[in-house]
Amino acid sequence: MLFGNFLLFLFTPEDSGATAMSRGNRLRYQRFDNRLCGAVKICFWTGVAVLFWISLPLFLRIVTFI
């Protein structure tokens, strides 16, 4: 359950004043509200972006040969 909540935390947008998160979600992710989890979230999404931009040219090269 903890791992599942952490995965949901990774995919939930950050709370800001413009898009306030409901109280239920804030309580659900309260245990992840620290600098370490924030850094993990930043590294995760940076890694996703890097992998996307690395794999896109490779995928297009494979598709053009088919």
C-alpha atoms as a PDB file:
ATOM      1  CA  MET A   1       0.000   0.000   0.000  1.00  0.00           C
ATOM      2  CA  LEU A   2       2.848   2.377   0.824  1.00  0.00           C
ATOM      3  CA  PHE A   3       4.528   1.753  -2.542  1.00  0.00           C
ATOM      4  CA  GLY A   4       1.224   2.274  -4.356  1.00  0.00           C
ATOM      5  CA  ASN A   5       0.654   5.571  -2.552  1.00  0.00           C
ATOM      6  CA  PHE A   6       4.188   6.645  -3.458  1.00  0.00           C
ATOM      7  CA  LEU A   7       3.547   5.890  -7.136  1.00  0.00           C
ATOM      8  CA  LEU A   8       0.351   7.934  -6.964  1.00  0.00           C
ATOM      9  CA  PHE A   9       2.377  10.714  -5.322  1.00  0.00           C
ATOM     10  CA  LEU A  10       4.794  10.670  -8.279  1.00  0.00           C
ATOM     11  CA  PHE A  11       1.957  11.128 -10.762  1.00  0.00           C
ATOM     12  CA  THR A  12       0.040  13.769  -8.772  1.00  0.00           C
ATOM     13  CA  PRO A  13       0.783  17.389  -9.692  1.00  0.00           C
ATOM     14  CA  GLU A  14       2.375  19.593  -7.074  1.00  0.00           C
ATOM     15  CA  ASP A  15      -0.013  21.606  -4.955  1.00  0.00           C
ATOM     16  CA  SER A  16      -0.054  25.322  -5.616  1.00  0.00           C
ATOM     17  CA  GLY A  17      -2.342  28.174  -4.693  1.00  0.00           C
ATOM     18  CA  ALA A  18      -3.922  28.211  -8.151  1.00  0.00           C
ATOM     19  CA  THR A  19      -4.798  24.505  -8.182  1.00  0.00           C
ATOM     20  CA  ALA A  20      -5.417  23.624  -4.567  1.00  0.00           C
ATOM     21  CA  MET A  21      -5.334  19.918  -3.765  1.00  0.00           C
ATOM     22  CA  SER A  22      -8.278  18.490  -1.847  1.00  0.00           C
ATOM     23  CA  ARG A  23      -7.750  17.842   1.858  1.00  0.00           C
ATOM     24  CA  GLY A  24      -8.097  14.081   1.368  1.00  0.00           C
ATOM     25  CA  ASN A  25      -5.204  13.955  -1.094  1.00  0.00           C
ATOM     26  CA  ARG A  26      -3.070  16.171   1.132  1.00  0.00           C
ATOM     27  CA  LEU A  27      -3.559  13.754   4.025  1.00  0.00           C
ATOM     28  CA  ARG A  28      -2.874  10.747   1.792  1.00  0.00           C
ATOM     29  CA  TYR A  29       0.481  12.139   0.652  1.00  0.00           C
ATOM     30  CA  GLN A  30       1.444  13.808   3.933  1.00  0.00           C
ATOM     31  CA  ARG A  31       4.075  11.151   4.715  1.00  0.00           C
ATOM     32  CA  PHE A  32       5.808  11.992   1.407  1.00  0.00           C
ATOM     33  CA  ASP A  33       5.799  15.739   2.061  1.00  0.00           C
ATOM     34  CA  ASN A  34       9.510  16.170   2.662  1.00  0.00           C
ATOM     35  CA  ARG A  35      12.594  17.204   0.726  1.00  0.00           C
ATOM     36  CA  LEU A  36      13.781  13.670  -0.028  1.00  0.00           C
ATOM     37  CA  CYS A  37      10.515  12.646  -1.679  1.00  0.00           C
ATOM     38  CA  GLY A  38      10.404  15.956  -3.535  1.00  0.00           C
ATOM     39  CA  ALA A  39      13.912  15.328  -4.848  1.00  0.00           C
ATOM     40  CA  VAL A  40      12.945  11.783  -5.856  1.00  0.00           C
ATOM     41  CA  LYS A  41       9.929  13.180  -7.711  1.00  0.00           C
ATOM     42  CA  ILE A  42      12.105  15.694  -9.580  1.00  0.00           C
ATOM     43  CA  CYS A  43      14.668  13.001 -10.483  1.00  0.00           C
ATOM     44  CA  PHE A  44      11.917  10.628 -11.606  1.00  0.00           C
ATOM     45  CA  TRP A  45      10.342  13.134 -14.007  1.00  0.00           C
ATOM     46  CA  THR A  46      13.748  14.297 -15.248  1.00  0.00           C
ATOM     47  CA  GLY A  47      14.601  10.671 -16.001  1.00  0.00           C
ATOM     48  CA  VAL A  48      11.291  10.170 -17.797  1.00  0.00           C
ATOM     49  CA  ALA A  49      11.946  13.240 -19.958  1.00  0.00           C
ATOM     50  CA  VAL A  50      15.518  12.164 -20.769  1.00  0.00           C
ATOM     51  CA  LEU A  51      14.435   8.629 -21.658  1.00  0.00           C
ATOM     52  CA  PHE A  52      11.677  10.008 -23.868  1.00  0.00           C
ATOM     53  CA  TRP A  53      14.035  12.267 -25.819  1.00  0.00           C
ATOM     54  CA  ILE A  54      16.627   9.493 -26.158  1.00  0.00           C
ATOM     55  CA  SER A  55      14.111   6.875 -27.264  1.00  0.00           C
ATOM     56  CA  LEU A  56      12.176   9.100 -29.690  1.00  0.00           C
ATOM     57  CA  PRO A  57      14.969   9.357 -32.328  1.00  0.00           C
ATOM     58  CA  LEU A  58      15.714   5.644 -31.970  1.00  0.00           C
ATOM     59  CA  PHE A  59      12.052   4.774 -32.412  1.00  0.00           C
ATOM     60  CA  LEU A  60      11.750   7.042 -35.453  1.00  0.00           C
ATOM     61  CA  ARG A  61      14.871   5.503 -36.988  1.00  0.00           C
ATOM     62  CA  ILE A  62      13.413   2.010 -36.533  1.00  0.00           C
ATOM     63  CA  VAL A  63      10.064   3.078 -37.997  1.00  0.00           C
ATOM     64  CA  THR A  64      11.683   4.637 -41.077  1.00  0.00           C
ATOM     65  CA  PHE A  65      13.473   1.351 -41.883  1.00  0.00           C
ATOM     66  CA  ILE A  66      10.228  -0.637 -41.768  1.00  0.00           C
END
